[in-house]
């Protein structure tokens, strides 16, 4: 990695840490506003059935991805 890019990145991080206390605090404050967001889930029983119908497809997709990455890189996650 170019040392100049690393140096500039670290300078930005130090500036953020001085202003916000830590990089983690900056990320939290920059992605969430002061008002909280709440989502109310209603009729969960109906959605539970949909999730159960789709869970087999989800597992198949994950296995396909694992096999693809294994064939490409020679290892499995």
N, C-alpha and C. Protein backbone atom coordinates (compact mmCIF):
# COMPACT_ATOMS: atom_id res chain seq x y z
N UNK A 1 0.85 -1.17 0.00
CA UNK A 1 0.00 0.00 0.00
C UNK A 1 0.89 1.24 0.00
N UNK A 2 0.43 2.22 -0.68
CA UNK A 2 1.15 3.48 -0.75
C UNK A 2 1.16 4.14 0.63
N UNK A 3 2.35 4.44 1.14
CA UNK A 3 2.47 5.03 2.48
C UNK A 3 1.79 6.39 2.56
N UNK A 4 1.76 7.12 1.46
CA UNK A 4 1.14 8.44 1.44
C UNK A 4 -0.37 8.32 1.67
N UNK A 5 -1.00 7.34 1.02
CA UNK A 5 -2.44 7.12 1.21
C UNK A 5 -2.72 6.72 2.65
N UNK A 6 -1.90 5.83 3.19
CA UNK A 6 -2.06 5.39 4.57
C UNK A 6 -1.93 6.57 5.53
N UNK A 7 -0.94 7.40 5.30
CA UNK A 7 -0.72 8.57 6.15
C UNK A 7 -1.91 9.52 6.11
N UNK A 8 -2.45 9.77 4.91
CA UNK A 8 -3.60 10.66 4.79
C UNK A 8 -4.83 10.06 5.48
N UNK A 9 -5.00 8.76 5.34
CA UNK A 9 -6.13 8.10 5.99
C UNK A 9 -6.01 8.20 7.50
N UNK A 10 -4.83 7.98 8.03
CA UNK A 10 -4.62 8.06 9.48
C UNK A 10 -4.83 9.49 9.99
N UNK A 11 -4.47 10.48 9.20
CA UNK A 11 -4.71 11.87 9.59
C UNK A 11 -6.20 12.15 9.68
N UNK A 12 -6.98 11.61 8.72
CA UNK A 12 -8.43 11.78 8.76
C UNK A 12 -9.02 11.09 9.99
N UNK A 13 -8.52 9.90 10.30
CA UNK A 13 -9.02 9.16 11.46
C UNK A 13 -8.71 9.93 12.74
N UNK A 14 -7.52 10.45 12.86
CA UNK A 14 -7.15 11.22 14.04
C UNK A 14 -8.03 12.46 14.20
N UNK A 15 -8.33 13.13 13.09
CA UNK A 15 -9.20 14.31 13.13
C UNK A 15 -10.60 13.92 13.61
N UNK A 16 -11.12 12.81 13.09
CA UNK A 16 -12.44 12.32 13.51
C UNK A 16 -12.43 11.96 14.98
N UNK A 17 -11.39 11.27 15.44
CA UNK A 17 -11.31 10.87 16.84
C UNK A 17 -11.24 12.07 17.78
N UNK A 18 -10.57 13.13 17.37
CA UNK A 18 -10.52 14.34 18.19
C UNK A 18 -11.90 14.97 18.33
N UNK A 19 -12.65 14.95 17.23
CA UNK A 19 -13.95 15.61 17.23
C UNK A 19 -15.04 14.76 17.88
N UNK A 20 -15.03 13.45 17.63
CA UNK A 20 -16.12 12.59 18.07
C UNK A 20 -15.75 11.63 19.19
N UNK A 21 -14.50 11.59 19.60
CA UNK A 21 -14.09 10.70 20.68
C UNK A 21 -13.54 9.38 20.19
N UNK A 22 -14.18 8.78 19.21
CA UNK A 22 -13.68 7.55 18.62
C UNK A 22 -14.28 7.39 17.23
N UNK A 23 -13.66 6.54 16.44
CA UNK A 23 -14.15 6.29 15.10
C UNK A 23 -15.50 5.58 15.16
N UNK A 24 -15.67 4.72 16.15
CA UNK A 24 -16.95 4.01 16.31
C UNK A 24 -18.09 4.99 16.59
N UNK A 25 -17.84 5.97 17.47
CA UNK A 25 -18.87 6.97 17.78
C UNK A 25 -19.24 7.77 16.53
N UNK A 26 -18.23 8.09 15.71
CA UNK A 26 -18.49 8.82 14.47
C UNK A 26 -19.40 8.02 13.54
N UNK A 27 -19.12 6.73 13.40
CA UNK A 27 -19.93 5.89 12.52
C UNK A 27 -21.36 5.83 13.02
N UNK A 28 -21.53 5.63 14.32
CA UNK A 28 -22.88 5.55 14.89
C UNK A 28 -23.62 6.86 14.69
N UNK A 29 -22.98 7.97 14.99
CA UNK A 29 -23.63 9.27 14.87
C UNK A 29 -23.90 9.67 13.42
N UNK A 30 -23.07 9.22 12.51
CA UNK A 30 -23.27 9.60 11.11
C UNK A 30 -24.29 8.72 10.39
N UNK A 31 -24.60 7.57 10.95
CA UNK A 31 -25.57 6.70 10.29
C UNK A 31 -26.94 6.73 10.94
N UNK A 32 -27.04 7.28 12.13
CA UNK A 32 -28.32 7.37 12.82
C UNK A 32 -28.54 8.80 13.26
N UNK A 33 -29.75 9.26 13.07
CA UNK A 33 -30.03 10.60 13.57
C UNK A 33 -30.53 10.51 15.02
N UNK A 34 -30.84 11.64 15.59
CA UNK A 34 -31.20 11.65 17.00
C UNK A 34 -32.55 11.00 17.27
N UNK A 35 -33.45 11.03 16.30
CA UNK A 35 -34.73 10.37 16.51
C UNK A 35 -34.55 8.87 16.29
N UNK A 36 -35.22 8.11 17.10
CA UNK A 36 -35.07 6.66 16.98
C UNK A 36 -36.09 6.12 16.00
N UNK A 37 -35.72 5.06 15.37
CA UNK A 37 -36.60 4.42 14.40
C UNK A 37 -37.12 3.13 15.02
N UNK A 38 -38.42 2.97 14.95
CA UNK A 38 -39.02 1.75 15.47
C UNK A 38 -39.92 1.17 14.39
N UNK A 39 -39.81 -0.11 14.25
CA UNK A 39 -40.65 -0.79 13.29
C UNK A 39 -41.53 -1.77 14.05
N UNK A 40 -42.81 -1.67 13.82
CA UNK A 40 -43.74 -2.57 14.48
C UNK A 40 -44.14 -3.64 13.46
N UNK A 41 -43.89 -4.87 13.84
CA UNK A 41 -44.23 -5.98 12.96
C UNK A 41 -45.57 -6.54 13.41
N UNK A 42 -46.51 -6.50 12.51
CA UNK A 42 -47.82 -7.06 12.81
C UNK A 42 -48.05 -8.27 11.92
N UNK A 43 -48.94 -9.11 12.34
CA UNK A 43 -49.29 -10.33 11.58
C UNK A 43 -48.07 -11.18 11.34
N UNK A 44 -47.30 -11.42 12.39
CA UNK A 44 -46.07 -12.20 12.28
C UNK A 44 -46.36 -13.64 11.88
N UNK A 45 -47.51 -14.16 12.30
CA UNK A 45 -47.82 -15.55 11.97
C UNK A 45 -47.85 -15.76 10.46
N UNK A 46 -48.40 -14.79 9.73
CA UNK A 46 -48.43 -14.90 8.28
C UNK A 46 -47.03 -14.86 7.69
N UNK A 47 -46.19 -13.99 8.21
CA UNK A 47 -44.83 -13.88 7.70
C UNK A 47 -43.99 -15.09 8.08
N UNK A 48 -44.28 -15.69 9.23
CA UNK A 48 -43.56 -16.89 9.64
C UNK A 48 -43.72 -18.00 8.64
N UNK A 49 -44.92 -18.17 8.10
CA UNK A 49 -45.17 -19.20 7.09
C UNK A 49 -44.39 -18.90 5.81
N UNK A 50 -44.33 -17.64 5.43
CA UNK A 50 -43.57 -17.25 4.24
C UNK A 50 -42.09 -17.54 4.44
N UNK A 51 -41.59 -17.21 5.62
CA UNK A 51 -40.18 -17.47 5.92
C UNK A 51 -39.88 -18.96 5.85
N UNK A 52 -40.75 -19.78 6.39
CA UNK A 52 -40.54 -21.22 6.34
C UNK A 52 -40.52 -21.73 4.90
N UNK A 53 -41.38 -21.17 4.05
CA UNK A 53 -41.39 -21.57 2.64
C UNK A 53 -40.10 -21.20 1.94
N UNK A 54 -39.50 -20.08 2.33
CA UNK A 54 -38.29 -19.60 1.66
C UNK A 54 -36.99 -20.12 2.28
N UNK A 55 -37.05 -20.72 3.44
CA UNK A 55 -35.82 -21.13 4.12
C UNK A 55 -35.05 -22.18 3.34
N UNK A 56 -35.76 -23.10 2.65
CA UNK A 56 -35.06 -24.09 1.83
C UNK A 56 -34.28 -23.44 0.69
N UNK A 57 -34.88 -22.42 0.07
CA UNK A 57 -34.19 -21.70 -1.00
C UNK A 57 -32.98 -20.95 -0.46
N UNK A 58 -33.11 -20.40 0.72
CA UNK A 58 -32.00 -19.66 1.34
C UNK A 58 -30.82 -20.60 1.57
N UNK A 59 -31.10 -21.78 2.10
CA UNK A 59 -30.04 -22.75 2.36
C UNK A 59 -29.41 -23.20 1.05
N UNK A 60 -30.22 -23.44 0.02
CA UNK A 60 -29.69 -23.85 -1.28
C UNK A 60 -28.79 -22.75 -1.86
N UNK A 61 -29.19 -21.49 -1.74
CA UNK A 61 -28.36 -20.38 -2.23
C UNK A 61 -27.03 -20.33 -1.49
N UNK A 62 -27.06 -20.51 -0.19
CA UNK A 62 -25.83 -20.48 0.60
C UNK A 62 -24.90 -21.63 0.21
N UNK A 63 -25.46 -22.81 -0.01
CA UNK A 63 -24.64 -23.95 -0.42
C UNK A 63 -24.06 -23.73 -1.82
N UNK A 64 -24.86 -23.18 -2.73
CA UNK A 64 -24.34 -22.86 -4.07
C UNK A 64 -23.19 -21.87 -4.00
N UNK A 65 -23.34 -20.85 -3.17
CA UNK A 65 -22.28 -19.86 -3.01
C UNK A 65 -21.03 -20.51 -2.43
N UNK A 66 -21.20 -21.36 -1.42
CA UNK A 66 -20.06 -22.04 -0.81
C UNK A 66 -19.34 -22.91 -1.84
N UNK A 67 -20.09 -23.63 -2.65
CA UNK A 67 -19.47 -24.48 -3.67
C UNK A 67 -18.78 -23.65 -4.74
N UNK A 68 -19.36 -22.53 -5.13
CA UNK A 68 -18.75 -21.65 -6.11
C UNK A 68 -17.43 -21.10 -5.59
N UNK A 69 -17.43 -20.60 -4.37
CA UNK A 69 -16.20 -20.06 -3.79
C UNK A 69 -15.16 -21.16 -3.59
N UNK A 70 -15.61 -22.35 -3.22
CA UNK A 70 -14.68 -23.46 -3.04
C UNK A 70 -14.05 -23.87 -4.35
N UNK A 71 -14.83 -23.87 -5.43
CA UNK A 71 -14.27 -24.25 -6.72
C UNK A 71 -13.34 -23.16 -7.25
N UNK A 72 -13.61 -21.92 -6.87
CA UNK A 72 -12.78 -20.82 -7.36
C UNK A 72 -11.47 -20.69 -6.59
N UNK A 73 -11.57 -20.81 -5.26
CA UNK A 73 -10.40 -20.58 -4.42
C UNK A 73 -9.83 -21.86 -3.80
N UNK A 74 -10.51 -22.98 -3.99
CA UNK A 74 -9.99 -24.24 -3.48
C UNK A 74 -10.17 -24.47 -2.00
N UNK A 75 -11.02 -23.72 -1.37
CA UNK A 75 -11.27 -23.92 0.05
C UNK A 75 -12.71 -23.55 0.37
N UNK A 76 -13.20 -24.06 1.45
CA UNK A 76 -14.58 -23.79 1.85
C UNK A 76 -14.59 -23.01 3.14
N UNK A 77 -15.59 -22.19 3.30
CA UNK A 77 -15.71 -21.34 4.50
C UNK A 77 -16.32 -22.12 5.61
